[in-house]
Amino acid sequence: MAWMSWDKMSLPKSMGGMGFRDMRAFNQALLAKQAWRLLDSPDSLCARLMKAKYYPQGQLLDTVFSISGSVVWKGILHGLELLKKGVIWRVGDGEHIRTWRDPWIPRPSSFRPIIPKGSRRLNRVSAFLDANGAWRADRLHEYFWEMDVQRILKIRTSPRQRSDFISWYPEKSGGFS
């Protein structure tokens, strides 16, 4: 059998290769899937145990890589770095979304406001919604630059004001795949 390069082996079988995947990318995707499960199912036993041990006072999305922790935890944090590039909050009642820190504005670069126009005293997105769950345009114009205001006003709000939730921006369904 002749020597086959990795490039050739990683081609799909239909193209004469062996269909091997890029194992590093595949491993990171699997680790990101584990991080997604912790975000998507925070009441699961695994998520509660990880929270109690590694981020008892905060949120998973706020954690940063640390040298302490188990090999499993370090792996999940490695996957979380990939996940952070596409996670966005979907606005419901706005109570869980931190206005200036969390990713919630549908803008592919950072998902956060460009920079506050004035003070940062309104720290929850709920402060920019009225009693019916509609955007308060007057308040948006007071605190955000026009570019952000236009993007925020395009976010559909819920008159039922269900709870905010995390979504995977690149996927139309919002689930990490």
N, C-alpha and C. Protein backbone atom coordinates (compact mmCIF):
# COMPACT_ATOMS: atom_id res chain seq x y z
N MET A 1 0.84 -1.17 0.00
CA MET A 1 0.00 0.00 0.00
C MET A 1 0.89 1.25 0.00
N ALA A 2 0.61 2.18 -0.86
CA ALA A 2 1.38 3.41 -0.97
C ALA A 2 1.07 4.32 0.22
N TRP A 3 2.05 5.13 0.57
CA TRP A 3 1.89 6.08 1.67
C TRP A 3 0.80 7.09 1.31
N MET A 4 -0.11 7.37 2.24
CA MET A 4 -1.21 8.30 2.01
C MET A 4 -1.04 9.47 2.97
N SER A 5 -1.02 10.70 2.48
CA SER A 5 -0.86 11.87 3.35
C SER A 5 -2.13 12.10 4.17
N TRP A 6 -1.98 12.85 5.26
CA TRP A 6 -3.12 13.16 6.11
C TRP A 6 -4.18 13.93 5.32
N ASP A 7 -3.74 14.84 4.45
CA ASP A 7 -4.70 15.59 3.64
C ASP A 7 -5.57 14.66 2.82
N LYS A 8 -4.96 13.63 2.27
CA LYS A 8 -5.70 12.66 1.45
C LYS A 8 -6.61 11.80 2.34
N MET A 9 -6.09 11.39 3.50
CA MET A 9 -6.88 10.53 4.39
C MET A 9 -8.08 11.28 4.96
N SER A 10 -7.97 12.59 5.13
CA SER A 10 -9.08 13.34 5.71
C SER A 10 -10.14 13.74 4.69
N LEU A 11 -9.90 13.45 3.42
CA LEU A 11 -10.93 13.70 2.40
C LEU A 11 -12.09 12.73 2.60
N PRO A 12 -13.30 13.12 2.24
CA PRO A 12 -14.43 12.18 2.31
C PRO A 12 -14.16 10.95 1.43
N LYS A 13 -14.74 9.85 1.80
CA LYS A 13 -14.55 8.60 1.04
C LYS A 13 -14.98 8.77 -0.41
N SER A 14 -16.02 9.58 -0.63
CA SER A 14 -16.50 9.79 -1.99
C SER A 14 -15.47 10.50 -2.87
N MET A 15 -14.47 11.13 -2.22
CA MET A 15 -13.43 11.84 -2.97
C MET A 15 -12.10 11.10 -2.94
N GLY A 16 -12.14 9.82 -2.57
CA GLY A 16 -10.94 9.00 -2.59
C GLY A 16 -10.16 8.97 -1.29
N GLY A 17 -10.66 9.64 -0.27
CA GLY A 17 -9.98 9.65 1.03
C GLY A 17 -10.55 8.58 1.93
N MET A 18 -10.17 8.65 3.20
CA MET A 18 -10.65 7.67 4.18
C MET A 18 -11.70 8.25 5.11
N GLY A 19 -11.98 9.54 4.98
CA GLY A 19 -13.03 10.15 5.79
C GLY A 19 -12.65 10.48 7.22
N PHE A 20 -11.33 10.49 7.52
CA PHE A 20 -10.91 10.84 8.87
C PHE A 20 -11.18 12.31 9.12
N ARG A 21 -11.54 12.62 10.34
CA ARG A 21 -11.82 13.99 10.72
C ARG A 21 -10.58 14.64 11.31
N ASP A 22 -10.62 15.95 11.38
CA ASP A 22 -9.60 16.70 12.09
C ASP A 22 -9.88 16.44 13.57
N MET A 23 -9.10 15.58 14.19
CA MET A 23 -9.38 15.13 15.55
C MET A 23 -9.32 16.27 16.57
N ARG A 24 -8.46 17.22 16.37
CA ARG A 24 -8.37 18.35 17.31
C ARG A 24 -9.67 19.16 17.27
N ALA A 25 -10.13 19.48 16.07
CA ALA A 25 -11.38 20.25 15.93
C ALA A 25 -12.57 19.43 16.43
N PHE A 26 -12.57 18.13 16.15
CA PHE A 26 -13.65 17.25 16.59
C PHE A 26 -13.69 17.19 18.12
N ASN A 27 -12.53 17.09 18.76
CA ASN A 27 -12.46 17.05 20.21
C ASN A 27 -12.96 18.37 20.81
N GLN A 28 -12.57 19.50 20.23
CA GLN A 28 -13.04 20.79 20.76
C GLN A 28 -14.55 20.92 20.60
N ALA A 29 -15.08 20.42 19.50
CA ALA A 29 -16.53 20.47 19.30
C ALA A 29 -17.25 19.63 20.36
N LEU A 30 -16.70 18.47 20.68
CA LEU A 30 -17.32 17.63 21.72
C LEU A 30 -17.24 18.31 23.10
N LEU A 31 -16.12 18.95 23.38
CA LEU A 31 -15.99 19.66 24.65
C LEU A 31 -16.95 20.85 24.71
N ALA A 32 -17.12 21.53 23.58
CA ALA A 32 -18.07 22.64 23.52
C ALA A 32 -19.49 22.12 23.73
N LYS A 33 -19.78 20.94 23.22
CA LYS A 33 -21.11 20.34 23.41
C LYS A 33 -21.36 20.09 24.90
N GLN A 34 -20.32 19.66 25.63
CA GLN A 34 -20.47 19.46 27.08
C GLN A 34 -20.74 20.80 27.78
N ALA A 35 -20.02 21.84 27.38
CA ALA A 35 -20.26 23.17 27.96
C ALA A 35 -21.68 23.63 27.65
N TRP A 36 -22.14 23.36 26.42
CA TRP A 36 -23.51 23.74 26.04
C TRP A 36 -24.53 23.03 26.93
N ARG A 37 -24.29 21.78 27.24
CA ARG A 37 -25.22 21.04 28.11
C ARG A 37 -25.30 21.68 29.50
N LEU A 38 -24.15 22.17 30.00
CA LEU A 38 -24.16 22.84 31.30
C LEU A 38 -24.98 24.13 31.24
N LEU A 39 -24.89 24.85 30.11
CA LEU A 39 -25.66 26.08 29.93
C LEU A 39 -27.14 25.81 29.70
N ASP A 40 -27.41 24.82 28.87
CA ASP A 40 -28.78 24.53 28.44
C ASP A 40 -29.60 23.80 29.50
N SER A 41 -28.94 23.05 30.34
CA SER A 41 -29.63 22.28 31.39
C SER A 41 -29.00 22.57 32.75
N PRO A 42 -29.15 23.80 33.26
CA PRO A 42 -28.49 24.17 34.51
C PRO A 42 -28.99 23.41 35.74
N ASP A 43 -30.14 22.74 35.61
CA ASP A 43 -30.68 21.99 36.75
C ASP A 43 -30.26 20.53 36.75
N SER A 44 -29.50 20.11 35.74
CA SER A 44 -29.05 18.72 35.70
C SER A 44 -28.05 18.49 36.84
N LEU A 45 -27.92 17.24 37.24
CA LEU A 45 -27.01 16.91 38.34
C LEU A 45 -25.58 17.34 38.00
N CYS A 46 -25.14 17.05 36.79
CA CYS A 46 -23.78 17.41 36.37
C CYS A 46 -23.57 18.92 36.44
N ALA A 47 -24.53 19.70 35.94
CA ALA A 47 -24.40 21.16 35.94
C ALA A 47 -24.37 21.70 37.38
N ARG A 48 -25.20 21.15 38.24
CA ARG A 48 -25.22 21.61 39.63
C ARG A 48 -23.91 21.29 40.34
N LEU A 49 -23.34 20.11 40.07
CA LEU A 49 -22.06 19.73 40.68
C LEU A 49 -20.93 20.63 40.20
N MET A 50 -20.88 20.87 38.89
CA MET A 50 -19.83 21.73 38.33
C MET A 50 -19.95 23.15 38.87
N LYS A 51 -21.16 23.66 38.96
CA LYS A 51 -21.38 25.00 39.49
C LYS A 51 -20.92 25.08 40.94
N ALA A 52 -21.29 24.10 41.75
CA ALA A 52 -20.92 24.11 43.16
C ALA A 52 -19.40 24.09 43.34
N LYS A 53 -18.72 23.39 42.47
CA LYS A 53 -17.26 23.26 42.61
C LYS A 53 -16.48 24.39 41.95
N TYR A 54 -16.87 24.80 40.73
CA TYR A 54 -16.02 25.67 39.94
C TYR A 54 -16.51 27.11 39.75
N TYR A 55 -17.80 27.36 39.88
CA TYR A 55 -18.28 28.74 39.75
C TYR A 55 -19.51 28.96 40.64
N PRO A 56 -19.34 28.77 41.95
CA PRO A 56 -20.49 28.83 42.87
C PRO A 56 -21.17 30.20 42.94
N GLN A 57 -20.45 31.27 42.73
CA GLN A 57 -21.02 32.61 42.86
C GLN A 57 -21.38 33.26 41.54
N GLY A 58 -21.05 32.63 40.41
CA GLY A 58 -21.25 33.29 39.13
C GLY A 58 -21.96 32.42 38.11
N GLN A 59 -21.70 32.73 36.86
CA GLN A 59 -22.29 32.01 35.74
C GLN A 59 -21.18 31.33 34.95
N LEU A 60 -21.52 30.26 34.28
CA LEU A 60 -20.54 29.52 33.49
C LEU A 60 -19.90 30.42 32.43
N LEU A 61 -20.66 31.27 31.78
CA LEU A 61 -20.10 32.12 30.72
C LEU A 61 -19.08 33.13 31.24
N ASP A 62 -19.07 33.38 32.55
CA ASP A 62 -18.13 34.32 33.13
C ASP A 62 -16.81 33.67 33.56
N THR A 63 -16.76 32.35 33.53
CA THR A 63 -15.55 31.68 33.99
C THR A 63 -14.45 31.82 32.97
N VAL A 64 -13.22 31.81 33.47
CA VAL A 64 -12.04 31.88 32.61
C VAL A 64 -11.17 30.67 32.92
N PHE A 65 -10.29 30.35 32.00
CA PHE A 65 -9.43 29.18 32.17
C PHE A 65 -8.53 29.37 33.39
N SER A 66 -8.46 28.36 34.22
CA SER A 66 -7.59 28.42 35.39
C SER A 66 -6.71 27.18 35.41
N ILE A 67 -5.60 27.27 36.10
CA ILE A 67 -4.70 26.12 36.16
C ILE A 67 -5.18 25.09 37.17
N SER A 68 -6.03 25.50 38.10
CA SER A 68 -6.57 24.53 39.04
C SER A 68 -7.83 23.91 38.44
N GLY A 69 -8.16 22.75 38.91
CA GLY A 69 -9.35 22.09 38.41
C GLY A 69 -8.99 20.75 37.78
N SER A 70 -9.98 19.93 37.65
CA SER A 70 -9.78 18.60 37.09
C SER A 70 -9.51 18.66 35.58
N VAL A 71 -9.05 17.59 35.03
CA VAL A 71 -8.81 17.49 33.59
C VAL A 71 -10.13 17.66 32.84
N VAL A 72 -11.20 17.11 33.38
CA VAL A 72 -12.52 17.25 32.76
C VAL A 72 -12.93 18.72 32.72
N TRP A 73 -12.76 19.42 33.84
CA TRP A 73 -13.13 20.83 33.90
C TRP A 73 -12.30 21.66 32.92
N LYS A 74 -11.02 21.40 32.86
CA LYS A 74 -10.15 22.13 31.92
C LYS A 74 -10.59 21.88 30.48
N GLY A 75 -11.00 20.64 30.20
CA GLY A 75 -11.50 20.32 28.86
C GLY A 75 -12.77 21.09 28.54
N ILE A 76 -13.69 21.15 29.50
CA ILE A 76 -14.94 21.88 29.29
C ILE A 76 -14.66 23.37 29.07
N LEU A 77 -13.72 23.92 29.83
CA LEU A 77 -13.36 25.33 29.64
C LEU A 77 -12.76 25.57 28.25
N HIS A 78 -12.01 24.58 27.76
CA HIS A 78 -11.46 24.68 26.40
C HIS A 78 -12.60 24.75 25.38
N GLY A 79 -13.61 23.91 25.56
CA GLY A 79 -14.78 23.94 24.68
C GLY A 79 -15.60 25.20 24.87
N LEU A 80 -15.64 25.71 26.09
CA LEU A 80 -16.40 26.92 26.39
C LEU A 80 -15.85 28.12 25.61
N GLU A 81 -14.55 28.16 25.41
CA GLU A 81 -13.95 29.26 24.65
C GLU A 81 -14.50 29.29 23.23
N LEU A 82 -14.69 28.14 22.63
CA LEU A 82 -15.31 28.06 21.30
C LEU A 82 -16.77 28.50 21.39
N LEU A 83 -17.45 28.03 22.39
CA LEU A 83 -18.87 28.32 22.56
C LEU A 83 -19.13 29.81 22.75
N LYS A 84 -18.27 30.50 23.47
CA LYS A 84 -18.45 31.93 23.74
C LYS A 84 -18.49 32.76 22.46
N LYS A 85 -17.94 32.24 21.38
CA LYS A 85 -17.91 32.99 20.12
C LYS A 85 -19.28 33.08 19.45
N GLY A 86 -20.23 32.22 19.85
CA GLY A 86 -21.53 32.23 19.20
C GLY A 86 -22.73 32.21 20.13
N VAL A 87 -22.51 32.30 21.43
CA VAL A 87 -23.62 32.29 22.39
C VAL A 87 -24.20 33.70 22.50
N ILE A 88 -25.52 33.77 22.50
CA ILE A 88 -26.21 35.04 22.64
C ILE A 88 -27.45 34.83 23.51
N TRP A 89 -27.76 35.82 24.32
CA TRP A 89 -28.99 35.80 25.12
C TRP A 89 -30.15 36.21 24.24
N ARG A 90 -31.27 35.52 24.37
CA ARG A 90 -32.51 35.91 23.71
C ARG A 90 -33.37 36.60 24.76
N VAL A 91 -33.87 37.76 24.41
CA VAL A 91 -34.59 38.60 25.36
C VAL A 91 -36.00 38.08 25.59
N GLY A 92 -36.32 37.88 26.85
CA GLY A 92 -37.67 37.55 27.28
C GLY A 92 -38.14 38.71 28.16
N ASP A 93 -37.99 38.53 29.48
CA ASP A 93 -38.35 39.62 30.40
C ASP A 93 -37.16 40.54 30.70
N GLY A 94 -35.96 40.15 30.25
CA GLY A 94 -34.77 40.98 30.43
C GLY A 94 -34.15 40.95 31.81
N GLU A 95 -34.71 40.18 32.73
CA GLU A 95 -34.24 40.16 34.11
C GLU A 95 -32.86 39.50 34.28
N HIS A 96 -32.53 38.54 33.44
CA HIS A 96 -31.27 37.80 33.60
C HIS A 96 -30.12 38.39 32.77
N ILE A 97 -30.41 39.29 31.86
CA ILE A 97 -29.39 39.80 30.95
C ILE A 97 -28.78 41.08 31.49
N ARG A 98 -27.46 41.03 31.69
CA ARG A 98 -26.72 42.22 32.13
C ARG A 98 -26.47 43.08 30.89
N THR A 99 -26.99 44.27 30.91
CA THR A 99 -26.99 45.17 29.75
C THR A 99 -25.62 45.35 29.12
N TRP A 100 -24.61 45.62 29.91
CA TRP A 100 -23.31 46.02 29.37
C TRP A 100 -22.30 44.89 29.30
N ARG A 101 -22.59 43.73 29.89
CA ARG A 101 -21.62 42.63 29.92
C ARG A 101 -22.02 41.42 29.09
N ASP A 102 -23.30 41.12 29.03
CA ASP A 102 -23.75 39.89 28.37
C ASP A 102 -23.93 40.08 26.87
N PRO A 103 -23.72 39.02 26.10
CA PRO A 103 -23.97 39.07 24.66
C PRO A 103 -25.47 38.95 24.38
N TRP A 104 -26.10 40.00 23.85
CA TRP A 104 -27.55 39.94 23.61
C TRP A 104 -28.00 40.71 22.38
N ILE A 105 -27.13 41.54 21.82
CA ILE A 105 -27.50 42.32 20.63
C ILE A 105 -27.05 41.55 19.39
N PRO A 106 -27.96 41.22 18.48
CA PRO A 106 -27.58 40.43 17.31
C PRO A 106 -26.66 41.19 16.36
N ARG A 107 -25.39 41.11 16.67
CA ARG A 107 -24.34 41.71 15.85
C ARG A 107 -23.21 40.67 15.84
N PRO A 108 -22.87 40.11 14.71
CA PRO A 108 -21.90 39.01 14.66
C PRO A 108 -20.53 39.27 15.28
N SER A 109 -20.16 40.50 15.54
CA SER A 109 -18.82 40.73 16.08
C SER A 109 -18.73 40.44 17.58
N SER A 110 -19.52 41.10 18.40
CA SER A 110 -19.37 40.91 19.84
C SER A 110 -20.68 40.62 20.56
N PHE A 111 -21.81 40.93 19.97
CA PHE A 111 -23.14 40.75 20.57
C PHE A 111 -23.38 41.65 21.77
N ARG A 112 -22.50 42.60 22.02
CA ARG A 112 -22.63 43.52 23.15
C ARG A 112 -22.79 44.95 22.62
N PRO A 113 -23.27 45.86 23.47
CA PRO A 113 -23.35 47.27 23.04
C PRO A 113 -21.95 47.78 22.69
N ILE A 114 -21.90 48.71 21.74
CA ILE A 114 -20.62 49.28 21.32
C ILE A 114 -19.94 49.92 22.53
N ILE A 115 -20.59 50.88 23.11
CA ILE A 115 -20.11 51.55 24.32
C ILE A 115 -21.31 52.35 24.84
N PRO A 116 -21.48 52.44 26.14
CA PRO A 116 -22.62 53.21 26.63
C PRO A 116 -22.50 54.68 26.27
N LYS A 117 -23.64 55.28 25.98
CA LYS A 117 -23.70 56.69 25.61
C LYS A 117 -23.54 57.58 26.84
N GLY A 118 -24.11 57.14 27.92
CA GLY A 118 -24.06 57.91 29.17
C GLY A 118 -23.62 57.02 30.30
N SER A 119 -24.32 57.09 31.40
CA SER A 119 -23.96 56.27 32.56
C SER A 119 -24.38 54.82 32.34
N ARG A 120 -23.87 53.97 33.17
CA ARG A 120 -24.19 52.54 33.09
C ARG A 120 -25.10 52.13 34.24
N ARG A 121 -25.91 53.01 34.72
CA ARG A 121 -26.69 52.69 35.91
C ARG A 121 -27.81 51.69 35.66
N LEU A 122 -28.30 51.55 34.46
CA LEU A 122 -29.33 50.54 34.17
C LEU A 122 -28.63 49.26 33.74
N ASN A 123 -28.50 48.34 34.67
CA ASN A 123 -27.66 47.16 34.46
C ASN A 123 -28.39 45.93 33.94
N ARG A 124 -29.70 45.98 33.84
CA ARG A 124 -30.46 44.85 33.32
C ARG A 124 -31.26 45.29 32.10
N VAL A 125 -31.37 44.42 31.14
CA VAL A 125 -32.13 44.73 29.92
C VAL A 125 -33.59 45.01 30.26
N SER A 126 -34.09 44.44 31.33
CA SER A 126 -35.49 44.68 31.74
C SER A 126 -35.77 46.17 31.94
N ALA A 127 -34.76 46.96 32.26
CA ALA A 127 -34.95 48.40 32.47
C ALA A 127 -35.30 49.13 31.17
N PHE A 128 -35.11 48.46 30.04
CA PHE A 128 -35.39 49.08 28.74
C PHE A 128 -36.69 48.55 28.12
N LEU A 129 -37.44 47.77 28.91
CA LEU A 129 -38.73 47.23 28.47
C LEU A 129 -39.85 47.86 29.28
N ASP A 130 -41.00 48.06 28.64
CA ASP A 130 -42.14 48.60 29.40
C ASP A 130 -42.93 47.45 30.03
N ALA A 131 -44.05 47.77 30.68
CA ALA A 131 -44.84 46.76 31.39
C ALA A 131 -45.41 45.69 30.46
N ASN A 132 -45.55 46.00 29.16
CA ASN A 132 -46.07 45.03 28.19
C ASN A 132 -44.95 44.27 27.47
N GLY A 133 -43.70 44.51 27.86
CA GLY A 133 -42.58 43.81 27.24
C GLY A 133 -42.08 44.45 25.95
N ALA A 134 -42.53 45.64 25.63
CA ALA A 134 -42.08 46.34 24.41
C ALA A 134 -40.88 47.22 24.76
N TRP A 135 -40.06 47.49 23.76
CA TRP A 135 -38.89 48.34 23.98
C TRP A 135 -39.31 49.78 24.30
N ARG A 136 -38.62 50.38 25.24
CA ARG A 136 -38.81 51.80 25.56
C ARG A 136 -37.79 52.59 24.73
N ALA A 137 -38.22 53.02 23.55
CA ALA A 137 -37.32 53.69 22.61
C ALA A 137 -36.69 54.93 23.22
N ASP A 138 -37.44 55.66 24.02
CA ASP A 138 -36.89 56.87 24.64
C ASP A 138 -35.68 56.55 25.51
N ARG A 139 -35.80 55.50 26.28
CA ARG A 139 -34.71 55.11 27.17
C ARG A 139 -33.53 54.54 26.37
N LEU A 140 -33.83 53.78 25.31
CA LEU A 140 -32.76 53.24 24.47
C LEU A 140 -31.93 54.37 23.88
N HIS A 141 -32.60 55.41 23.37
CA HIS A 141 -31.89 56.54 22.77
C HIS A 141 -31.07 57.31 23.81
N GLU A 142 -31.50 57.25 25.04
CA GLU A 142 -30.77 57.95 26.10
C GLU A 142 -29.47 57.24 26.47
N TYR A 143 -29.45 55.91 26.42
CA TYR A 143 -28.31 55.14 26.90
C TYR A 143 -27.44 54.50 25.82
N PHE A 144 -27.97 54.35 24.60
CA PHE A 144 -27.23 53.66 23.54
C PHE A 144 -27.00 54.58 22.35
N TRP A 145 -25.97 54.30 21.59
CA TRP A 145 -25.72 55.00 20.34
C TRP A 145 -26.69 54.49 19.29
N GLU A 146 -26.96 55.28 18.29
CA GLU A 146 -27.99 54.98 17.29
C GLU A 146 -27.79 53.62 16.63
N MET A 147 -26.55 53.26 16.35
CA MET A 147 -26.28 51.96 15.72
C MET A 147 -26.81 50.81 16.58
N ASP A 148 -26.59 50.90 17.88
CA ASP A 148 -27.11 49.87 18.80
C ASP A 148 -28.63 49.95 18.91
N VAL A 149 -29.17 51.14 18.98
CA VAL A 149 -30.62 51.31 19.11
C VAL A 149 -31.33 50.62 17.94
N GLN A 150 -30.83 50.82 16.73
CA GLN A 150 -31.46 50.21 15.56
C GLN A 150 -31.44 48.68 15.64
N ARG A 151 -30.34 48.11 16.10
CA ARG A 151 -30.25 46.65 16.23
C ARG A 151 -31.16 46.14 17.36
N ILE A 152 -31.21 46.87 18.45
CA ILE A 152 -32.04 46.46 19.59
C ILE A 152 -33.51 46.49 19.21
N LEU A 153 -33.94 47.54 18.52
CA LEU A 153 -35.35 47.66 18.14
C LEU A 153 -35.79 46.54 17.19
N LYS A 154 -34.84 45.88 16.53
CA LYS A 154 -35.17 44.75 15.65
C LYS A 154 -35.38 43.45 16.42
N ILE A 155 -34.98 43.44 17.69
CA ILE A 155 -35.17 42.25 18.53
C ILE A 155 -36.64 42.17 18.90
N ARG A 156 -37.27 41.07 18.52
CA ARG A 156 -38.69 40.89 18.88
C ARG A 156 -38.78 40.56 20.36
N THR A 157 -39.68 41.24 21.02
CA THR A 157 -39.89 40.99 22.44
C THR A 157 -41.14 40.14 22.62
N SER A 158 -41.29 39.63 23.81
CA SER A 158 -42.41 38.75 24.11
C SER A 158 -43.43 39.47 24.98
N PRO A 159 -44.68 39.63 24.49
CA PRO A 159 -45.69 40.26 25.34
C PRO A 159 -45.99 39.42 26.59
N ARG A 160 -45.71 38.12 26.50
CA ARG A 160 -45.91 37.24 27.66
C ARG A 160 -44.74 37.32 28.63
N GLN A 161 -43.67 37.98 28.20
CA GLN A 161 -42.47 38.19 29.01
C GLN A 161 -41.97 36.90 29.66
N ARG A 162 -41.75 35.92 28.83
CA ARG A 162 -41.15 34.69 29.35
C ARG A 162 -39.72 34.99 29.76
N SER A 163 -39.09 34.06 30.39
CA SER A 163 -37.74 34.25 30.90
C SER A 163 -36.72 34.31 29.76
N ASP A 164 -35.63 35.04 29.97
CA ASP A 164 -34.54 35.10 28.99
C ASP A 164 -33.91 33.72 28.86
N PHE A 165 -33.30 33.45 27.71
CA PHE A 165 -32.62 32.17 27.55
C PHE A 165 -31.41 32.31 26.64
N ILE A 166 -30.50 31.37 26.78
CA ILE A 166 -29.27 31.34 26.00
C ILE A 166 -29.55 30.64 24.68
N SER A 167 -28.92 31.12 23.62
CA SER A 167 -29.11 30.55 22.29
C SER A 167 -27.76 30.50 21.57
N TRP A 168 -27.66 29.63 20.59
CA TRP A 168 -26.46 29.54 19.74
C TRP A 168 -26.76 30.32 18.48
N TYR A 169 -26.12 31.47 18.34
CA TYR A 169 -26.43 32.42 17.28
C TYR A 169 -26.30 31.84 15.85
N PRO A 170 -25.23 31.08 15.55
CA PRO A 170 -25.09 30.61 14.16
C PRO A 170 -26.18 29.64 13.69
N GLU A 171 -26.91 29.05 14.62
CA GLU A 171 -27.93 28.06 14.25
C GLU A 171 -29.31 28.69 14.33
N LYS A 172 -30.09 28.56 13.29
CA LYS A 172 -31.43 29.16 13.24
C LYS A 172 -32.32 28.68 14.39
N SER A 173 -32.19 27.39 14.76
CA SER A 173 -33.00 26.83 15.84
C SER A 173 -32.55 27.31 17.21
N GLY A 174 -31.31 27.83 17.30
CA GLY A 174 -30.79 28.31 18.57
C GLY A 174 -30.05 27.26 19.37
N GLY A 175 -30.12 26.00 18.94
CA GLY A 175 -29.41 24.93 19.64
C GLY A 175 -28.00 24.76 19.11
N PHE A 176 -27.09 24.36 19.97
CA PHE A 176 -25.71 24.13 19.56
C PHE A 176 -25.63 22.79 18.85
N SER A 177 -25.11 22.79 17.64
CA SER A 177 -25.00 21.52 16.89
C SER A 177 -23.60 21.37 16.34
